[in-house]
Amino acid sequence: MVRATIDDTDTALVSLTSPSGGIVVDDTAKTITITIAASVTAAYTFTTGVYDLELVSPAATPVVTKLLSGNVIVQGEATRT
């Protein structure tokens, strides 16, 4: 999830989910793949934010584990065809 600031309570700027919402967890390969289409990122109107990536267990009482967190910088594309 990407938000404007760590304390932001407004709607997330970006929210991805698994299995069909941009995140693929491959237990066999032990990988997590995040994909955002160029057409989606081209529509971003923000330039900075903060993110975290959390893994939520499928248990009756889910356990949330934060895997990554950091800053996001969105820059316009410099290469033109």
Protein backbone atom coordinates (compact mmCIF):
# COMPACT_ATOMS: atom_id res chain seq x y z
CA MET A 1 0.00 0.00 0.00
CA VAL A 2 1.20 3.51 -0.81
CA ARG A 3 0.02 6.52 1.18
CA ALA A 4 1.05 10.18 1.07
CA THR A 5 2.56 10.01 4.57
CA ILE A 6 2.95 7.36 7.27
CA ASP A 7 0.19 9.03 9.34
CA ASP A 8 -2.20 9.53 6.40
CA THR A 9 -5.69 8.16 7.03
CA ASP A 10 -7.10 9.12 3.62
CA THR A 11 -7.67 6.58 0.88
CA ALA A 12 -4.45 4.86 -0.21
CA LEU A 13 -2.73 6.26 -3.31
CA VAL A 14 -1.99 2.69 -4.45
CA SER A 15 -3.30 -0.58 -3.06
CA LEU A 16 -2.33 -3.95 -4.52
CA THR A 17 -3.54 -7.39 -3.43
CA SER A 18 -2.98 -11.07 -4.09
CA PRO A 19 -3.81 -13.16 -6.07
CA SER A 20 -5.25 -11.03 -8.88
CA GLY A 21 -4.55 -7.48 -7.78
CA GLY A 22 -0.93 -6.96 -8.84
CA ILE A 23 0.86 -9.21 -6.32
CA VAL A 24 1.78 -12.85 -6.99
CA VAL A 25 3.13 -14.99 -4.14
CA ASP A 26 4.92 -18.10 -5.43
CA ASP A 27 5.42 -20.43 -2.49
CA THR A 28 7.37 -22.96 -4.58
CA ALA A 29 9.90 -20.40 -5.86
CA LYS A 30 9.73 -18.42 -2.59
CA THR A 31 9.16 -15.17 -4.49
CA ILE A 32 6.77 -12.23 -4.40
CA THR A 33 6.23 -10.42 -7.71
CA ILE A 34 4.62 -6.98 -7.84
CA THR A 35 3.37 -5.73 -11.19
CA ILE A 36 1.79 -2.37 -12.00
CA ALA A 37 0.87 -1.73 -15.63
CA ALA A 38 2.44 1.26 -17.38
CA SER A 39 -1.05 2.54 -18.18
CA VAL A 40 -1.78 2.62 -14.43
CA THR A 41 1.46 4.33 -13.39
CA ALA A 42 1.06 6.89 -16.20
CA ALA A 43 -2.10 8.09 -14.46
CA TYR A 44 -0.41 8.67 -11.08
CA THR A 45 -0.78 12.26 -9.95
CA PHE A 46 1.41 11.96 -6.84
CA THR A 47 5.21 12.23 -6.82
CA THR A 48 6.12 10.96 -3.35
CA GLY A 49 4.72 8.64 -0.73
CA VAL A 50 5.48 5.85 1.69
CA TYR A 51 4.75 2.15 1.28
CA ASP A 52 4.66 -1.11 3.13
CA LEU A 53 4.27 -4.69 2.01
CA GLU A 54 2.43 -6.93 4.45
CA LEU A 55 1.82 -10.67 4.37
CA VAL A 56 -1.49 -11.70 5.94
CA SER A 57 -1.89 -15.34 6.99
CA PRO A 58 -5.07 -17.18 5.96
CA ALA A 59 -5.77 -18.26 9.57
CA ALA A 60 -9.13 -17.72 11.26
CA THR A 61 -7.37 -15.03 13.28
CA PRO A 62 -5.00 -13.60 10.65
CA VAL A 63 -1.42 -12.73 11.52
CA VAL A 64 -0.03 -9.66 9.73
CA THR A 65 3.72 -9.59 9.04
CA LYS A 66 5.35 -6.47 7.60
CA LEU A 67 7.94 -7.57 5.02
CA LEU A 68 9.11 -4.24 3.57
CA SER A 69 8.54 -0.53 3.98
CA GLY A 70 10.06 2.63 2.58
CA ASN A 71 9.67 5.73 0.45
CA VAL A 72 8.22 6.03 -3.05
CA ILE A 73 9.34 8.55 -5.66
CA VAL A 74 7.39 8.72 -8.91
CA GLN A 75 9.27 10.30 -11.82
CA GLY A 76 8.02 11.01 -15.31
CA GLU A 77 9.38 8.95 -18.16
CA ALA A 78 12.42 10.48 -19.86
CA THR A 79 12.65 8.04 -22.78
CA ARG A 80 10.43 8.79 -25.77
CA THR A 81 9.83 6.63 -28.80
